[in-house]
Amino acid sequence: MGVFPWTCRCGLNPSPSKNRGAPGRRPPPTPRGRRSKYTGQSVRTMPMRVITVGKKRSQGTQLLVEEYKEKLGHYCAVEDTLIKSNPKLTSDVKVQIEAEDVSMMQQLKAEDFVVVLDENGKDVMSEQIADLIGDAGSTGSSRLTFCIGGPYGLGVQVRERADATIRLSSLVLNHQVALIVLMEQLYRAWTIIKGQKYHH
């Protein structure tokens, strides 16, 4: 896998929009004055997978996840995997994290492009998630996989395996909330790439 902007958890530095203010047809700028470099461009479509660690989801959460999976299905194949938290039923937090780490690593393949959600990751806007999707498609990876940890976060192996580390909010999010936010942002990112109107 070659060098590319998301390597080493650094995220993607926003680049100024080209030809800003110049005449001609172009997608409207975002409220922050930035648009994805892939808007209107051909992007290699890769299957997506979202892996979360946690207990059984609430009915409301699962309904929202299924809704966004259906919307994302117009752009790419989407798989949703839930790993049981604390598989060893231990009261030792370190042992719990390590056990969850092993379980998640077993789900990852060498050809996956892995993005972990972490409170210490790179802050991203929707347009940067669109950039990430486009960039990942050019790496030769066969699948784009997002990892959301359990109540105590992700383990060392998964963090080291990550090709990119991002955070969706400066707030610490419950894994179910983080999952919904991620699914919504992935759908929004694809509408940005395609230059389509976002539908709630």
C-alpha atoms as a PDB file:
ATOM      1  CA  MET A   1       0.000   0.000   0.000  1.00  0.00           C
ATOM      2  CA  GLY A   2       1.533   3.303  -1.064  1.00  0.00           C
ATOM      3  CA  VAL A   3       1.950   6.506   0.851  1.00  0.00           C
ATOM      4  CA  PHE A   4      -1.192   8.562   0.961  1.00  0.00           C
ATOM      5  CA  PRO A   5      -2.560  11.441   3.043  1.00  0.00           C
ATOM      6  CA  TRP A   6      -4.459   9.431   5.641  1.00  0.00           C
ATOM      7  CA  THR A   7      -1.501   7.285   6.688  1.00  0.00           C
ATOM      8  CA  CYS A   8      -0.161   7.514  10.239  1.00  0.00           C
ATOM      9  CA  ARG A   9      -3.403   8.783  11.763  1.00  0.00           C
ATOM     10  CA  CYS A  10      -2.677  12.268  10.495  1.00  0.00           C
ATOM     11  CA  GLY A  11      -5.917  12.706   8.595  1.00  0.00           C
ATOM     12  CA  LEU A  12      -6.215  14.760   5.452  1.00  0.00           C
ATOM     13  CA  ASN A  13      -5.216  18.387   5.483  1.00  0.00           C
ATOM     14  CA  PRO A  14      -7.977  20.382   3.761  1.00  0.00           C
ATOM     15  CA  SER A  15      -6.756  21.854   0.506  1.00  0.00           C
ATOM     16  CA  PRO A  16      -8.211  25.082  -0.843  1.00  0.00           C
ATOM     17  CA  SER A  17     -10.883  24.695  -3.486  1.00  0.00           C
ATOM     18  CA  LYS A  18      -9.593  25.191  -6.992  1.00  0.00           C
ATOM     19  CA  ASN A  19     -10.830  28.087  -9.107  1.00  0.00           C
ATOM     20  CA  ARG A  20     -12.823  29.508  -6.235  1.00  0.00           C
ATOM     21  CA  GLY A  21     -14.806  32.436  -7.538  1.00  0.00           C
ATOM     22  CA  ALA A  22     -14.039  31.592 -11.176  1.00  0.00           C
ATOM     23  CA  PRO A  23     -16.918  31.383 -13.648  1.00  0.00           C
ATOM     24  CA  GLY A  24     -18.202  28.062 -14.894  1.00  0.00           C
ATOM     25  CA  ARG A  25     -20.167  25.130 -13.553  1.00  0.00           C
ATOM     26  CA  ARG A  26     -19.053  23.623 -10.293  1.00  0.00           C
ATOM     27  CA  PRO A  27     -20.741  22.142  -7.222  1.00  0.00           C
ATOM     28  CA  PRO A  28     -21.779  24.810  -4.700  1.00  0.00           C
ATOM     29  CA  PRO A  29     -19.298  25.339  -1.851  1.00  0.00           C
ATOM     30  CA  THR A  30     -20.033  23.957   1.580  1.00  0.00           C
ATOM     31  CA  PRO A  31     -20.953  26.362   4.394  1.00  0.00           C
ATOM     32  CA  ARG A  32     -17.296  26.300   5.476  1.00  0.00           C
ATOM     33  CA  GLY A  33     -16.114  27.102   1.970  1.00  0.00           C
ATOM     34  CA  ARG A  34     -14.741  23.652   1.194  1.00  0.00           C
ATOM     35  CA  ARG A  35     -15.886  20.837  -1.038  1.00  0.00           C
ATOM     36  CA  SER A  36     -14.621  17.340  -1.603  1.00  0.00           C
ATOM     37  CA  LYS A  37     -11.969  16.919  -4.282  1.00  0.00           C
ATOM     38  CA  TYR A  38     -13.989  13.930  -5.507  1.00  0.00           C
ATOM     39  CA  THR A  39     -17.300  15.732  -6.053  1.00  0.00           C
ATOM     40  CA  GLY A  40     -18.473  14.833  -9.528  1.00  0.00           C
ATOM     41  CA  GLN A  41     -15.459  12.573 -10.091  1.00  0.00           C
ATOM     42  CA  SER A  42     -15.368   8.857 -10.763  1.00  0.00           C
ATOM     43  CA  VAL A  43     -14.633   7.025  -7.514  1.00  0.00           C
ATOM     44  CA  ARG A  44     -13.828   3.337  -7.223  1.00  0.00           C
ATOM     45  CA  THR A  45     -16.627   1.701  -5.290  1.00  0.00           C
ATOM     46  CA  MET A  46     -15.481  -0.607  -2.505  1.00  0.00           C
ATOM     47  CA  PRO A  47     -17.638  -2.633  -0.121  1.00  0.00           C
ATOM     48  CA  MET A  48     -17.910  -1.034   3.302  1.00  0.00           C
ATOM     49  CA  ARG A  49     -17.966  -2.736   6.644  1.00  0.00           C
ATOM     50  CA  VAL A  50     -18.677  -1.236  10.049  1.00  0.00           C
ATOM     51  CA  ILE A  51     -17.509  -3.211  13.085  1.00  0.00           C
ATOM     52  CA  THR A  52     -18.705  -2.190  16.531  1.00  0.00           C
ATOM     53  CA  VAL A  53     -18.116  -3.600  19.999  1.00  0.00           C
ATOM     54  CA  GLY A  54     -21.048  -3.567  22.372  1.00  0.00           C
ATOM     55  CA  LYS A  55     -24.108  -5.218  23.833  1.00  0.00           C
ATOM     56  CA  LYS A  56     -27.331  -5.898  21.978  1.00  0.00           C
ATOM     57  CA  ARG A  57     -28.539  -2.735  20.298  1.00  0.00           C
ATOM     58  CA  SER A  58     -31.780  -1.010  21.070  1.00  0.00           C
ATOM     59  CA  GLN A  59     -34.579  -1.457  18.553  1.00  0.00           C
ATOM     60  CA  GLY A  60     -34.434   2.232  17.665  1.00  0.00           C
ATOM     61  CA  THR A  61     -30.714   2.093  16.937  1.00  0.00           C
ATOM     62  CA  GLN A  62     -31.064  -0.990  14.752  1.00  0.00           C
ATOM     63  CA  LEU A  63     -33.907   0.561  12.766  1.00  0.00           C
ATOM     64  CA  LEU A  64     -31.779   3.623  12.011  1.00  0.00           C
ATOM     65  CA  VAL A  65     -28.803   1.469  11.062  1.00  0.00           C
ATOM     66  CA  GLU A  66     -30.971  -0.522   8.643  1.00  0.00           C
ATOM     67  CA  GLU A  67     -32.343   2.698   7.163  1.00  0.00           C
ATOM     68  CA  TYR A  68     -28.864   4.024   6.415  1.00  0.00           C
ATOM     69  CA  LYS A  69     -27.691   0.657   5.134  1.00  0.00           C
ATOM     70  CA  GLU A  70     -30.534   0.786   2.626  1.00  0.00           C
ATOM     71  CA  LYS A  71     -29.568   4.310   1.566  1.00  0.00           C
ATOM     72  CA  LEU A  72     -25.881   3.407   1.296  1.00  0.00           C
ATOM     73  CA  GLY A  73     -26.804   0.325  -0.703  1.00  0.00           C
ATOM     74  CA  HIS A  74     -27.430   2.592  -3.702  1.00  0.00           C
ATOM     75  CA  TYR A  75     -23.684   3.369  -3.722  1.00  0.00           C
ATOM     76  CA  CYS A  76     -21.893   0.319  -2.342  1.00  0.00           C
ATOM     77  CA  ALA A  77     -22.337  -2.948  -0.473  1.00  0.00           C
ATOM     78  CA  VAL A  78     -22.502  -2.396   3.297  1.00  0.00           C
ATOM     79  CA  GLU A  79     -21.950  -4.911   6.072  1.00  0.00           C
ATOM     80  CA  ASP A  80     -22.651  -4.301   9.749  1.00  0.00           C
ATOM     81  CA  THR A  81     -20.905  -6.482  12.353  1.00  0.00           C
ATOM     82  CA  LEU A  82     -21.478  -6.364  16.102  1.00  0.00           C
ATOM     83  CA  ILE A  83     -18.825  -7.918  18.345  1.00  0.00           C
ATOM     84  CA  LYS A  84     -19.919  -8.850  21.846  1.00  0.00           C
ATOM     85  CA  SER A  85     -18.311  -6.657  24.483  1.00  0.00           C
ATOM     86  CA  ASN A  86     -16.348  -8.254  27.304  1.00  0.00           C
ATOM     87  CA  PRO A  87     -16.301 -11.760  25.761  1.00  0.00           C
ATOM     88  CA  LYS A  88     -14.406 -13.177  28.757  1.00  0.00           C
ATOM     89  CA  LEU A  89     -16.883 -11.728  31.264  1.00  0.00           C
ATOM     90  CA  THR A  90     -14.051 -10.252  33.277  1.00  0.00           C
ATOM     91  CA  SER A  91     -14.050  -7.371  35.751  1.00  0.00           C
ATOM     92  CA  ASP A  92     -10.495  -6.474  34.704  1.00  0.00           C
ATOM     93  CA  VAL A  93     -10.737  -3.591  32.226  1.00  0.00           C
ATOM     94  CA  LYS A  94      -7.348  -4.332  30.670  1.00  0.00           C
ATOM     95  CA  VAL A  95      -8.275  -7.961  30.041  1.00  0.00           C
ATOM     96  CA  GLN A  96     -11.608  -6.854  28.567  1.00  0.00           C
ATOM     97  CA  ILE A  97      -9.949  -4.437  26.139  1.00  0.00           C
ATOM     98  CA  GLU A  98      -7.413  -7.068  25.083  1.00  0.00           C
ATOM     99  CA  ALA A  99     -10.139  -9.674  24.499  1.00  0.00           C
ATOM    100  CA  GLU A 100     -12.195  -7.250  22.410  1.00  0.00           C
ATOM    101  CA  ASP A 101      -9.033  -6.284  20.539  1.00  0.00           C
ATOM    102  CA  VAL A 102      -8.395  -9.926  19.600  1.00  0.00           C
ATOM    103  CA  SER A 103     -12.022 -10.392  18.499  1.00  0.00           C
ATOM    104  CA  MET A 104     -11.886  -7.338  16.260  1.00  0.00           C
ATOM    105  CA  MET A 105      -8.534  -8.264  14.745  1.00  0.00           C
ATOM    106  CA  GLN A 106     -10.015 -11.636  13.774  1.00  0.00           C
ATOM    107  CA  GLN A 107     -12.582  -9.760  11.698  1.00  0.00           C
ATOM    108  CA  LEU A 108      -9.987  -7.767   9.739  1.00  0.00           C
ATOM    109  CA  LYS A 109      -8.327  -8.945   6.548  1.00  0.00           C
ATOM    110  CA  ALA A 110      -4.933  -7.930   5.213  1.00  0.00           C
ATOM    111  CA  GLU A 111      -6.532  -6.244   2.205  1.00  0.00           C
ATOM    112  CA  ASP A 112      -8.908  -4.100   4.287  1.00  0.00           C
ATOM    113  CA  PHE A 113      -8.416  -0.356   4.487  1.00  0.00           C
ATOM    114  CA  VAL A 114      -9.073   0.185   8.190  1.00  0.00           C
ATOM    115  CA  VAL A 115     -10.411   3.393   9.709  1.00  0.00           C
ATOM    116  CA  VAL A 116     -10.746   3.553  13.490  1.00  0.00           C
ATOM    117  CA  LEU A 117     -12.949   5.998  15.349  1.00  0.00           C
ATOM    118  CA  ASP A 118     -11.103   7.345  18.352  1.00  0.00           C
ATOM    119  CA  GLU A 119     -11.470  10.413  20.570  1.00  0.00           C
ATOM    120  CA  ASN A 120      -7.824  11.252  19.856  1.00  0.00           C
ATOM    121  CA  GLY A 121      -8.256  10.950  16.093  1.00  0.00           C
ATOM    122  CA  LYS A 122      -8.331  13.615  13.410  1.00  0.00           C
ATOM    123  CA  ASP A 123     -11.387  15.871  13.385  1.00  0.00           C
ATOM    124  CA  VAL A 124     -13.148  15.533  10.059  1.00  0.00           C
ATOM    125  CA  MET A 125     -15.917  17.274   8.179  1.00  0.00           C
ATOM    126  CA  SER A 126     -18.341  15.462   5.892  1.00  0.00           C
ATOM    127  CA  GLU A 127     -16.315  16.555   2.859  1.00  0.00           C
ATOM    128  CA  GLN A 128     -13.186  14.965   4.340  1.00  0.00           C
ATOM    129  CA  ILE A 129     -15.001  11.676   4.853  1.00  0.00           C
ATOM    130  CA  ALA A 130     -15.887  11.868   1.157  1.00  0.00           C
ATOM    131  CA  ASP A 131     -12.176  12.440   0.462  1.00  0.00           C
ATOM    132  CA  LEU A 132     -11.268   9.455   2.635  1.00  0.00           C
ATOM    133  CA  ILE A 133     -13.663   7.195   0.708  1.00  0.00           C
ATOM    134  CA  GLY A 134     -12.174   8.357  -2.576  1.00  0.00           C
ATOM    135  CA  ASP A 135      -8.588   8.072  -1.359  1.00  0.00           C
ATOM    136  CA  ALA A 136      -9.127   4.580   0.066  1.00  0.00           C
ATOM    137  CA  GLY A 137     -10.438   3.461  -3.303  1.00  0.00           C
ATOM    138  CA  SER A 138      -7.104   4.295  -4.901  1.00  0.00           C
ATOM    139  CA  THR A 139      -4.985   2.226  -2.483  1.00  0.00           C
ATOM    140  CA  GLY A 140      -5.673  -1.218  -3.940  1.00  0.00           C
ATOM    141  CA  SER A 141      -7.584  -2.284  -0.827  1.00  0.00           C
ATOM    142  CA  SER A 142     -10.601  -4.507  -1.373  1.00  0.00           C
ATOM    143  CA  ARG A 143     -12.800  -3.247   1.462  1.00  0.00           C
ATOM    144  CA  LEU A 144     -13.209  -0.105   3.565  1.00  0.00           C
ATOM    145  CA  THR A 145     -13.686  -1.065   7.210  1.00  0.00           C
ATOM    146  CA  PHE A 146     -14.615   1.239  10.082  1.00  0.00           C
ATOM    147  CA  CYS A 147     -14.002   0.154  13.691  1.00  0.00           C
ATOM    148  CA  ILE A 148     -15.833   1.473  16.745  1.00  0.00           C
ATOM    149  CA  GLY A 149     -14.618   0.301  20.139  1.00  0.00           C
ATOM    150  CA  GLY A 150     -16.482  -0.641  23.273  1.00  0.00           C
ATOM    151  CA  PRO A 151     -16.950   1.351  26.501  1.00  0.00           C
ATOM    152  CA  TYR A 152     -13.193   1.449  27.155  1.00  0.00           C
ATOM    153  CA  GLY A 153     -12.118   2.115  23.592  1.00  0.00           C
ATOM    154  CA  LEU A 154     -10.053   0.147  21.100  1.00  0.00           C
ATOM    155  CA  GLY A 155      -7.105  -2.083  21.853  1.00  0.00           C
ATOM    156  CA  VAL A 156      -3.487  -1.667  20.812  1.00  0.00           C
ATOM    157  CA  GLN A 157      -3.545  -4.120  17.895  1.00  0.00           C
ATOM    158  CA  VAL A 158      -6.476  -2.467  16.142  1.00  0.00           C
ATOM    159  CA  ARG A 159      -5.020   1.013  16.698  1.00  0.00           C
ATOM    160  CA  GLU A 160      -1.724  -0.086  15.166  1.00  0.00           C
ATOM    161  CA  ARG A 161      -3.522  -1.785  12.270  1.00  0.00           C
ATOM    162  CA  ALA A 162      -5.402   1.403  11.402  1.00  0.00           C
ATOM    163  CA  ASP A 163      -4.730   3.124   8.083  1.00  0.00           C
ATOM    164  CA  ALA A 164      -6.555   6.221   9.351  1.00  0.00           C
ATOM    165  CA  THR A 165      -7.777   7.419  12.737  1.00  0.00           C
ATOM    166  CA  ILE A 166     -10.614   9.931  12.908  1.00  0.00           C
ATOM    167  CA  ARG A 167     -13.159  11.275  15.335  1.00  0.00           C
ATOM    168  CA  LEU A 168     -16.664  12.411  14.492  1.00  0.00           C
ATOM    169  CA  SER A 169     -17.091  14.655  17.513  1.00  0.00           C
ATOM    170  CA  SER A 170     -15.122  16.215  20.333  1.00  0.00           C
ATOM    171  CA  LEU A 171     -17.710  14.610  22.622  1.00  0.00           C
ATOM    172  CA  VAL A 172     -17.275  11.049  23.834  1.00  0.00           C
ATOM    173  CA  LEU A 173     -20.068   9.121  22.108  1.00  0.00           C
ATOM    174  CA  ASN A 174     -21.781   5.931  23.216  1.00  0.00           C
ATOM    175  CA  HIS A 175     -20.969   3.211  20.641  1.00  0.00           C
ATOM    176  CA  GLN A 176     -24.602   3.084  19.472  1.00  0.00           C
ATOM    177  CA  VAL A 177     -24.705   6.844  18.964  1.00  0.00           C
ATOM    178  CA  ALA A 178     -21.310   6.768  17.252  1.00  0.00           C
ATOM    179  CA  LEU A 179     -22.582   4.065  14.897  1.00  0.00           C
ATOM    180  CA  ILE A 180     -25.621   6.109  13.873  1.00  0.00           C
ATOM    181  CA  VAL A 181     -23.519   9.239  13.355  1.00  0.00           C
ATOM    182  CA  LEU A 182     -21.013   7.286  11.260  1.00  0.00           C
ATOM    183  CA  MET A 183     -23.679   5.676   9.073  1.00  0.00           C
ATOM    184  CA  GLU A 184     -25.303   9.057   8.466  1.00  0.00           C
ATOM    185  CA  GLN A 185     -21.964  10.629   7.597  1.00  0.00           C
ATOM    186  CA  LEU A 186     -21.073   7.829   5.178  1.00  0.00           C
ATOM    187  CA  TYR A 187     -24.365   8.362   3.367  1.00  0.00           C
ATOM    188  CA  ARG A 188     -23.831  12.129   3.353  1.00  0.00           C
ATOM    189  CA  ALA A 189     -20.293  11.631   2.022  1.00  0.00           C
ATOM    190  CA  TRP A 190     -21.545   9.591  -0.911  1.00  0.00           C
ATOM    191  CA  THR A 191     -24.110  12.248  -1.810  1.00  0.00           C
ATOM    192  CA  ILE A 192     -21.254  14.766  -1.775  1.00  0.00           C
ATOM    193  CA  ILE A 193     -19.146  12.581  -4.080  1.00  0.00           C
ATOM    194  CA  LYS A 194     -22.046  12.114  -6.470  1.00  0.00           C
ATOM    195  CA  GLY A 195     -23.064  15.781  -6.296  1.00  0.00           C
ATOM    196  CA  GLN A 196     -26.535  14.739  -5.223  1.00  0.00           C
ATOM    197  CA  LYS A 197     -29.017  16.362  -2.897  1.00  0.00           C
ATOM    198  CA  TYR A 198     -28.948  14.985   0.631  1.00  0.00           C
ATOM    199  CA  HIS A 199     -32.264  13.411   1.611  1.00  0.00           C
ATOM    200  CA  HIS A 200     -33.124  13.044   5.302  1.00  0.00           C
END
